[in-house]
Amino acid sequence: MNALHYLKFFLFHLVGLFAIAAILAGGAWITLALITIVSVYLVGDAVGGDDTSTPTLNHPWILTTHLWLALPLLVLLVFAAVWSVSTTDFAGFGAALSQLSGVDLLAARESTSIGHHFSAWILTGLMIGMLGTITAHELIHRTWDPISLFIGRCLLAFSFDTVFSIEHVYGHHRYVATPKDPATAPRGRNVYTHIVKSTIDGNLSAWEIEKKQLARKGKPVFSWHNRVIRGHLMSVLLVILAFAIGGIAGMLFFIACALWGKALLEIVNYMEHYGIVRNPATQVQPRHSWNTNKRLSSWTMFNLTRHSHHHAKAITPYQDLRPFPDAPMMLGGYLTTIVIAMCPPLWHKLMAPKLLAWDRDYANAEERELARQANASSSQPALQKATA
C-alpha cells in the first residue's frame, strides 16, 4: 500500500484544523490564516503542476473515513466561529481551553477587531464550502449508503442547502449543459446574477423532483416524508443552536457564514459549467464540464477537480476519478478560478477564447449551432464578433 495516496487526502483536514486554531486564537491570527490559506492555494496550484495519477487503492474504508470525519470537523469549526463573536462563554468552553493551552482565549476574543471578525466570516464561509459542500457532494452520490447520505445532508445543512442532495443528483446530472439546468450558467451571465438565479431555480427544481417522487410513492407533499422540508428544518435547528451558543450576534454571524458558503457552491457551479452547451437527448460526455488537474486542489478537495469524469460517470468514487487531461480545462485551480470568476470583466475576457476553443475543438455539429446561438445572445462582444 502506498501510504501517500491515502495521506494526501488528509491535507483537507489539516486546512480545517488550521482554520479552527486561528479562529480560536483571535485577532490578527484570523486574518493571517485567511491570507495564508488563499495564498497557499493560489501559489500551490500555480507551481505544483498537475496530478494525473490514478492509483489503485485497495482500502476504500480509509477513504470513506476521510469523508465522514468532515462532519465533526465542521461542527467544531462553526462552534468556534460562533463562539468567537459571542459575549458569553458557552459551557465554559473558552475558560477550559485557556487553562489547557495556557493562552487566554477570552482576552484574545475581546481584543479582536471588526476587521478580523470580517476575516473570520470569509474564512468560516470558505470552510463551510470546503469541509461541508465539497465532502457532501461526494457523499450524496452514494445513494446506496444511508450513513453517507445522512452525513452529506448534515454537512449541507450548514449552508442552508440540503436541497442540493436532491437537485444535484436527480436534476443537475441529467440536464447539465442545457437550459433546464439551474447550475449551468449561459454565456454572458455574471457570477453574481448566477448565485441568485441558480439558488432560486435550484430550490424550485428540488421541490418539483421531490413532489414527483412522493407522488409515485403515494405520500403527501406536506409531510415528514418530504426531504426538502426535513432538510430546511435541519438548517433551522442549526440557527437555533447558534443562538443558544452565541446569542443574537452568534446567530446572525452563523447565518452570514452559511449564506457565504452557499454562494461559494454557486460560484463553483458557475465555473464548472459556464457556457457549455449540449442537446438534452445526447449522453453527457467529459467535454461537457470544465476540468482541472491541479495537484493541490485535487488533493485537498477529494478530486472534485476531475469534474469531467464525474459527470461522465457520477457514481465513480472520488479516488477512482480519472484526470482526462484532454478535457476542456479551467483557467487554473479551484480557488484561483473562484477569484477570477468574482471579477466579471476579467472572467469574460479570459473565458471568451476558451469558449471559442471549446466550440472549435470539442463541440459536434449540433453543439456548434447551439454555441452559435449562445454566442449571439451572450452580450459579450468577443463572442458575438466570432459568431458574425
Protein backbone atom coordinates (compact mmCIF):
# COMPACT_ATOMS: atom_id res chain seq x y z
CA MET A 1 0.00 0.00 0.00
CA ASN A 2 1.35 3.41 -0.94
CA ALA A 3 0.51 5.41 2.18
CA LEU A 4 0.95 8.74 0.38
CA HIS A 5 -2.15 8.17 -1.72
CA TYR A 6 -4.20 7.83 1.46
CA LEU A 7 -2.43 10.50 3.49
CA LYS A 8 -2.66 13.18 0.79
CA PHE A 9 -6.41 13.45 1.31
CA PHE A 10 -5.81 14.29 5.00
CA LEU A 11 -4.45 17.65 3.81
CA PHE A 12 -8.13 18.60 3.63
CA HIS A 13 -8.48 18.07 7.38
CA LEU A 14 -5.25 19.92 8.17
CA VAL A 15 -6.62 23.01 6.43
CA GLY A 16 -9.74 22.80 8.60
CA LEU A 17 -7.77 22.36 11.83
CA PHE A 18 -5.55 25.31 10.92
CA ALA A 19 -8.64 27.48 10.40
CA ILE A 20 -10.11 26.39 13.75
CA ALA A 21 -6.90 27.20 15.61
CA ALA A 22 -6.74 30.66 14.02
CA ILE A 23 -10.37 31.49 14.84
CA LEU A 24 -9.87 30.49 18.47
CA ALA A 25 -6.60 32.46 18.71
CA GLY A 26 -8.49 35.55 17.56
CA GLY A 27 -7.22 38.90 16.40
CA ALA A 28 -4.67 39.10 13.62
CA TRP A 29 -4.27 35.32 13.62
CA ILE A 30 -7.61 35.03 11.84
CA THR A 31 -6.67 37.39 9.04
CA LEU A 32 -3.23 35.82 8.78
CA ALA A 33 -4.76 32.36 8.45
CA LEU A 34 -7.14 33.55 5.74
CA ILE A 35 -4.32 35.16 3.77
CA THR A 36 -2.15 32.07 4.24
CA ILE A 37 -4.80 29.61 3.05
CA VAL A 38 -5.71 31.66 -0.01
CA SER A 39 -2.06 32.28 -0.87
CA VAL A 40 -1.08 28.64 -0.48
CA TYR A 41 -3.85 27.60 -2.86
CA LEU A 42 -3.10 30.26 -5.44
CA VAL A 43 0.66 29.69 -5.40
CA GLY A 44 0.45 25.95 -4.81
CA ASP A 45 -1.74 25.34 -7.83
CA ALA A 46 0.37 27.68 -9.94
CA VAL A 47 3.67 25.96 -9.20
CA GLY A 48 2.56 22.48 -8.12
CA GLY A 49 1.62 21.31 -11.58
CA ASP A 50 -0.96 18.67 -12.43
CA ASP A 51 -1.65 15.34 -10.80
CA THR A 52 -2.70 12.89 -13.50
CA SER A 53 -2.17 9.71 -11.49
CA THR A 54 -5.00 7.31 -10.74
CA PRO A 55 -3.56 4.71 -8.34
CA THR A 56 -5.47 1.59 -7.38
CA LEU A 57 -6.39 1.90 -3.70
CA ASN A 58 -7.49 -1.32 -2.05
CA HIS A 59 -8.73 0.08 1.27
CA PRO A 60 -11.76 2.22 0.39
CA TRP A 61 -12.90 2.32 4.03
CA ILE A 62 -9.98 4.65 4.80
CA LEU A 63 -11.10 6.97 2.01
CA THR A 64 -14.70 6.92 3.26
CA THR A 65 -13.46 7.72 6.77
CA HIS A 66 -11.76 10.80 5.30
CA LEU A 67 -15.20 11.95 4.19
CA TRP A 68 -17.09 11.14 7.38
CA LEU A 69 -14.55 12.99 9.54
CA ALA A 70 -15.56 16.22 7.84
CA LEU A 71 -18.76 16.40 9.92
CA PRO A 72 -17.18 16.62 13.41
CA LEU A 73 -14.51 18.90 11.97
CA LEU A 74 -17.11 21.29 10.54
CA VAL A 75 -19.15 21.20 13.75
CA LEU A 76 -16.06 22.22 15.73
CA LEU A 77 -15.16 24.96 13.26
CA VAL A 78 -18.63 26.52 13.21
CA PHE A 79 -18.86 26.28 17.00
CA ALA A 80 -15.53 28.10 17.28
CA ALA A 81 -16.69 30.75 14.81
CA VAL A 82 -19.98 31.38 16.62
CA TRP A 83 -18.19 31.42 19.98
CA SER A 84 -15.67 33.93 18.61
CA VAL A 85 -18.37 36.62 18.19
CA SER A 86 -20.27 35.80 21.36
CA THR A 87 -20.23 37.92 24.52
CA THR A 88 -20.60 34.86 26.75
CA ASP A 89 -18.52 31.74 27.26
CA PHE A 90 -20.82 28.86 26.36
CA ALA A 91 -20.41 25.96 28.82
CA GLY A 92 -17.13 27.49 29.97
CA PHE A 93 -15.52 26.43 26.71
CA GLY A 94 -13.09 29.34 26.44
CA ALA A 95 -12.04 29.20 30.08
CA ALA A 96 -11.39 25.47 29.94
CA LEU A 97 -9.42 25.67 26.69
CA SER A 98 -7.44 28.65 28.01
CA GLN A 99 -6.43 26.66 31.07
CA LEU A 100 -5.49 23.69 28.94
CA SER A 101 -3.49 25.65 26.36
CA GLY A 102 -2.02 28.35 28.57
CA VAL A 103 -3.35 31.03 26.19
CA ASP A 104 -6.02 33.47 27.36
CA LEU A 105 -8.51 32.89 24.56
CA LEU A 106 -11.19 35.01 26.23
CA ALA A 107 -8.90 38.05 26.29
CA ALA A 108 -7.89 37.38 22.66
CA ARG A 109 -11.55 37.26 21.68
CA GLU A 110 -12.31 40.52 23.46
CA SER A 111 -9.48 42.29 21.63
CA THR A 112 -10.50 41.04 18.16
CA SER A 113 -11.44 43.99 15.95
CA ILE A 114 -14.30 44.24 13.46
CA GLY A 115 -11.85 43.82 10.60
CA HIS A 116 -10.63 40.50 11.95
CA HIS A 117 -14.23 39.38 12.54
CA PHE A 118 -14.81 40.13 8.86
CA SER A 119 -11.89 37.83 8.08
CA ALA A 120 -13.49 35.20 10.33
CA TRP A 121 -16.67 35.46 8.26
CA ILE A 122 -14.78 34.96 4.99
CA LEU A 123 -12.74 32.10 6.47
CA THR A 124 -15.71 30.33 8.06
CA GLY A 125 -17.80 30.54 4.90
CA LEU A 126 -14.86 29.25 2.90
CA MET A 127 -14.52 26.30 5.28
CA ILE A 128 -18.27 25.60 5.14
CA GLY A 129 -17.83 25.38 1.37
CA MET A 130 -14.72 23.19 1.58
CA LEU A 131 -15.35 20.97 4.59
CA GLY A 132 -19.11 20.91 4.11
CA THR A 133 -20.18 21.20 0.50
CA ILE A 134 -17.24 19.51 -1.21
CA THR A 135 -17.43 16.49 1.09
CA ALA A 136 -21.21 16.38 0.90
CA HIS A 137 -21.01 16.43 -2.90
CA GLU A 138 -19.17 13.12 -2.78
CA LEU A 139 -21.38 11.58 -0.09
CA ILE A 140 -24.79 12.39 -1.59
CA HIS A 141 -23.90 10.49 -4.75
CA ARG A 142 -23.61 7.32 -2.64
CA THR A 143 -27.33 6.71 -2.79
CA TRP A 144 -26.80 3.08 -1.75
CA ASP A 145 -25.23 4.10 1.59
CA PRO A 146 -27.69 5.63 4.11
CA ILE A 147 -24.91 6.69 6.50
CA SER A 148 -23.07 8.64 3.82
CA LEU A 149 -26.33 10.20 2.63
CA PHE A 150 -27.21 11.30 6.18
CA ILE A 151 -23.76 12.78 6.84
CA GLY A 152 -23.83 14.51 3.46
CA ARG A 153 -27.18 16.15 4.21
CA CYS A 154 -25.96 17.19 7.67
CA LEU A 155 -22.98 18.90 6.06
CA LEU A 156 -25.20 20.67 3.55
CA ALA A 157 -27.42 21.98 6.35
CA PHE A 158 -24.57 24.30 7.36
CA SER A 159 -25.01 26.20 4.07
CA PHE A 160 -28.85 26.02 4.07
CA ASP A 161 -28.58 23.78 1.03
CA THR A 162 -29.83 20.27 1.81
CA VAL A 163 -31.88 20.52 -1.40
CA PHE A 164 -28.56 20.12 -3.22
CA SER A 165 -28.75 16.40 -2.35
CA ILE A 166 -31.92 16.21 -4.45
CA GLU A 167 -31.48 18.68 -7.29
CA HIS A 168 -27.82 17.91 -7.93
CA VAL A 169 -28.19 14.13 -8.10
CA TYR A 170 -31.54 13.89 -9.90
CA GLY A 171 -31.65 17.19 -11.78
CA HIS A 172 -28.23 18.68 -12.47
CA HIS A 173 -26.62 15.45 -13.64
CA ARG A 174 -29.50 14.86 -16.02
CA TYR A 175 -29.71 18.33 -17.50
CA VAL A 176 -26.14 19.65 -17.21
CA ALA A 177 -25.09 21.99 -20.04
CA THR A 178 -28.69 22.58 -21.08
CA PRO A 179 -31.12 25.45 -20.37
CA LYS A 180 -33.06 23.22 -17.94
CA ASP A 181 -30.09 23.01 -15.55
CA PRO A 182 -30.10 25.80 -12.93
CA ALA A 183 -26.40 25.24 -12.23
CA THR A 184 -25.24 25.79 -15.83
CA ALA A 185 -24.69 29.49 -16.48
CA PRO A 186 -25.34 30.62 -20.07
CA ARG A 187 -22.69 32.61 -21.90
CA GLY A 188 -22.58 36.23 -20.82
CA ARG A 189 -24.16 35.80 -17.37
CA ASN A 190 -22.09 37.21 -14.49
CA VAL A 191 -21.45 35.20 -11.39
CA TYR A 192 -23.47 37.39 -9.02
CA THR A 193 -26.61 37.04 -11.12
CA HIS A 194 -25.93 33.32 -11.25
CA ILE A 195 -25.69 32.97 -7.46
CA VAL A 196 -29.20 34.37 -7.03
CA LYS A 197 -30.84 32.73 -10.04
CA SER A 198 -29.28 29.30 -9.53
CA THR A 199 -30.24 29.32 -5.84
CA ILE A 200 -33.88 30.15 -6.57
CA ASP A 201 -34.21 27.81 -9.56
CA GLY A 202 -32.34 25.03 -7.76
CA ASN A 203 -34.76 25.13 -4.83
CA LEU A 204 -37.75 25.14 -7.17
CA SER A 205 -36.29 22.22 -9.13
CA ALA A 206 -35.63 20.21 -5.95
CA TRP A 207 -39.22 20.79 -4.81
CA GLU A 208 -40.62 19.55 -8.14
CA ILE A 209 -38.36 16.49 -8.12
CA GLU A 210 -39.36 15.62 -4.56
CA LYS A 211 -43.05 16.22 -5.25
CA LYS A 212 -42.96 13.78 -8.18
CA GLN A 213 -41.09 11.15 -6.16
CA LEU A 214 -43.57 11.43 -3.29
CA ALA A 215 -46.50 11.17 -5.73
CA ARG A 216 -45.06 7.94 -7.12
CA LYS A 217 -44.86 6.58 -3.56
CA GLY A 218 -48.34 7.77 -2.66
CA LYS A 219 -47.01 10.11 0.06
CA PRO A 220 -48.34 13.62 0.77
CA VAL A 221 -46.11 16.54 -0.21
CA PHE A 222 -46.54 18.47 3.03
CA SER A 223 -45.34 15.80 5.40
CA TRP A 224 -42.26 14.48 7.16
CA HIS A 225 -41.60 12.30 4.11
CA ASN A 226 -40.60 15.43 2.14
CA ARG A 227 -36.79 15.70 2.15
CA VAL A 228 -36.93 19.36 1.18
CA ILE A 229 -38.91 20.22 4.30
CA ARG A 230 -36.81 17.97 6.55
CA GLY A 231 -33.63 19.45 5.16
CA HIS A 232 -34.63 23.05 5.75
CA LEU A 233 -35.66 22.13 9.30
CA MET A 234 -32.12 20.79 9.83
CA SER A 235 -30.77 24.22 8.92
CA VAL A 236 -33.30 25.92 11.20
CA LEU A 237 -32.08 23.71 14.05
CA LEU A 238 -28.52 24.88 13.41
CA VAL A 239 -29.66 28.51 13.56
CA ILE A 240 -31.32 27.82 16.92
CA LEU A 241 -28.15 26.15 18.20
CA ALA A 242 -26.09 29.12 17.04
CA PHE A 243 -28.41 31.39 19.04
CA ALA A 244 -28.05 29.15 22.11
CA ILE A 245 -24.25 29.30 21.83
CA GLY A 246 -23.69 32.92 20.82
CA GLY A 247 -26.93 34.82 21.27
CA ILE A 248 -28.21 37.16 18.56
CA ALA A 249 -24.69 38.03 17.42
CA GLY A 250 -23.73 34.37 17.09
CA MET A 251 -26.94 33.52 15.24
CA LEU A 252 -26.57 36.36 12.74
CA PHE A 253 -22.91 35.56 12.24
CA PHE A 254 -23.73 31.91 11.51
CA ILE A 255 -26.46 32.91 9.03
CA ALA A 256 -23.98 35.19 7.23
CA CYS A 257 -21.37 32.40 7.10
CA ALA A 258 -23.93 29.88 5.83
CA LEU A 259 -25.08 32.21 3.05
CA TRP A 260 -21.46 32.85 2.02
CA GLY A 261 -20.87 29.09 1.99
CA LYS A 262 -23.93 28.63 -0.22
CA ALA A 263 -22.76 31.41 -2.53
CA LEU A 264 -19.43 29.61 -2.91
CA LEU A 265 -21.23 26.50 -4.13
CA GLU A 266 -22.96 28.51 -6.83
CA ILE A 267 -19.68 30.15 -7.81
CA VAL A 268 -18.18 26.67 -8.21
CA ASN A 269 -21.18 25.55 -10.25
CA TYR A 270 -20.70 28.65 -12.38
CA MET A 271 -17.07 27.97 -13.20
CA GLU A 272 -17.52 24.22 -13.69
CA HIS A 273 -20.18 24.58 -16.39
CA TYR A 274 -20.16 28.15 -17.67
CA GLY A 275 -21.16 28.46 -21.31
CA ILE A 276 -21.01 24.78 -22.29
CA VAL A 277 -23.93 23.54 -24.38
CA ARG A 278 -25.46 20.12 -25.01
CA ASN A 279 -28.55 18.60 -26.59
CA PRO A 280 -30.52 17.03 -23.69
CA ALA A 281 -31.14 13.96 -25.83
CA THR A 282 -27.42 13.17 -26.02
CA GLN A 283 -25.38 11.45 -23.34
CA VAL A 284 -23.20 13.57 -21.06
CA GLN A 285 -19.54 13.32 -22.08
CA PRO A 286 -16.30 14.55 -20.45
CA ARG A 287 -16.34 17.55 -22.81
CA HIS A 288 -19.49 18.87 -21.14
CA SER A 289 -17.71 20.16 -17.99
CA TRP A 290 -14.67 22.29 -17.31
CA ASN A 291 -11.92 20.20 -15.72
CA THR A 292 -8.65 20.81 -13.89
CA ASN A 293 -5.94 18.53 -12.55
CA LYS A 294 -4.06 20.98 -10.34
CA ARG A 295 -2.32 18.96 -7.69
CA LEU A 296 -3.13 20.93 -4.54
CA SER A 297 -6.78 21.45 -5.44
CA SER A 298 -7.17 17.77 -6.25
CA TRP A 299 -5.56 16.52 -3.06
CA THR A 300 -7.45 18.86 -0.72
CA MET A 301 -10.85 18.69 -2.44
CA PHE A 302 -11.35 14.94 -2.90
CA ASN A 303 -10.71 15.14 -6.65
CA LEU A 304 -13.70 17.41 -7.23
CA THR A 305 -11.38 18.96 -9.77
CA ARG A 306 -11.76 15.92 -12.03
CA HIS A 307 -15.21 17.11 -12.92
CA SER A 308 -15.26 15.84 -16.48
CA HIS A 309 -15.09 12.20 -15.38
CA HIS A 310 -17.51 12.87 -12.52
CA HIS A 311 -20.18 14.00 -14.97
CA ALA A 312 -19.45 11.24 -17.42
CA LYS A 313 -19.95 8.64 -14.64
CA ALA A 314 -21.35 10.18 -11.46
CA ILE A 315 -21.22 7.08 -9.24
CA THR A 316 -17.43 6.77 -9.54
CA PRO A 317 -15.81 7.19 -6.08
CA TYR A 318 -13.52 10.19 -5.84
CA GLN A 319 -10.34 8.13 -5.58
CA ASP A 320 -11.11 6.40 -8.90
CA LEU A 321 -11.85 9.52 -10.95
CA ARG A 322 -9.56 9.83 -13.96
CA PRO A 323 -7.86 13.12 -14.88
CA PHE A 324 -8.98 13.37 -18.53
CA PRO A 325 -6.11 15.72 -19.47
CA ASP A 326 -7.66 16.21 -22.91
CA ALA A 327 -10.93 17.56 -21.49
CA PRO A 328 -11.69 21.31 -21.59
CA MET A 329 -9.67 22.95 -18.81
CA MET A 330 -10.49 25.69 -16.32
CA LEU A 331 -8.40 28.81 -16.01
CA GLY A 332 -6.48 27.31 -13.06
CA GLY A 333 -7.03 25.55 -9.77
CA TYR A 334 -10.33 25.91 -7.94
CA LEU A 335 -9.56 28.84 -5.66
CA THR A 336 -7.75 30.65 -8.46
CA THR A 337 -10.75 30.24 -10.74
CA ILE A 338 -13.13 31.35 -7.97
CA VAL A 339 -11.18 34.58 -7.53
CA ILE A 340 -11.25 35.26 -11.28
CA ALA A 341 -14.96 34.43 -11.56
CA MET A 342 -15.73 37.03 -8.88
CA CYS A 343 -14.30 39.71 -11.18
CA PRO A 344 -16.77 39.54 -14.14
CA PRO A 345 -14.83 41.74 -16.63
CA LEU A 346 -11.68 39.65 -16.16
CA TRP A 347 -13.68 36.41 -16.23
CA HIS A 348 -15.42 37.19 -19.52
CA LYS A 349 -12.19 38.40 -21.10
CA LEU A 350 -10.34 35.17 -20.21
CA MET A 351 -13.23 32.80 -20.88
CA ALA A 352 -14.22 34.10 -24.32
CA PRO A 353 -11.25 32.45 -26.08
CA LYS A 354 -11.79 29.27 -24.07
CA LEU A 355 -15.41 29.09 -25.15
CA LEU A 356 -14.49 29.66 -28.78
CA ALA A 357 -11.85 26.93 -28.48
CA TRP A 358 -14.50 24.63 -26.99
CA ASP A 359 -16.79 25.36 -29.94
CA ARG A 360 -13.99 24.58 -32.36
CA ASP A 361 -12.28 21.62 -30.69
CA TYR A 362 -14.93 19.82 -28.61
CA ALA A 363 -18.41 20.55 -29.94
CA ASN A 364 -20.09 18.34 -32.50
CA ALA A 365 -22.03 19.86 -35.39
CA GLU A 366 -25.26 20.16 -33.41
CA GLU A 367 -23.47 21.71 -30.44
CA ARG A 368 -21.73 24.22 -32.69
CA GLU A 369 -25.12 25.51 -33.77
CA LEU A 370 -26.25 25.74 -30.13
CA ALA A 371 -22.99 27.54 -29.33
CA ARG A 372 -23.51 29.95 -32.23
CA GLN A 373 -26.92 30.87 -30.84
CA ALA A 374 -25.49 31.21 -27.34
CA ASN A 375 -22.72 33.49 -28.59
CA ALA A 376 -25.17 35.69 -30.45
CA SER A 377 -27.28 36.23 -27.33
CA SER A 378 -24.37 36.43 -24.87
CA SER A 379 -23.95 40.25 -24.83
CA GLN A 380 -20.20 39.60 -24.96
CA PRO A 381 -18.59 41.41 -27.94
CA ALA A 382 -15.80 38.84 -28.36
CA LEU A 383 -18.33 36.00 -28.66
CA GLN A 384 -20.74 37.97 -30.83
CA LYS A 385 -17.91 39.03 -33.16
CA ALA A 386 -16.83 35.40 -33.60
CA THR A 387 -20.38 34.42 -34.45
CA ALA A 388 -20.70 37.19 -37.03
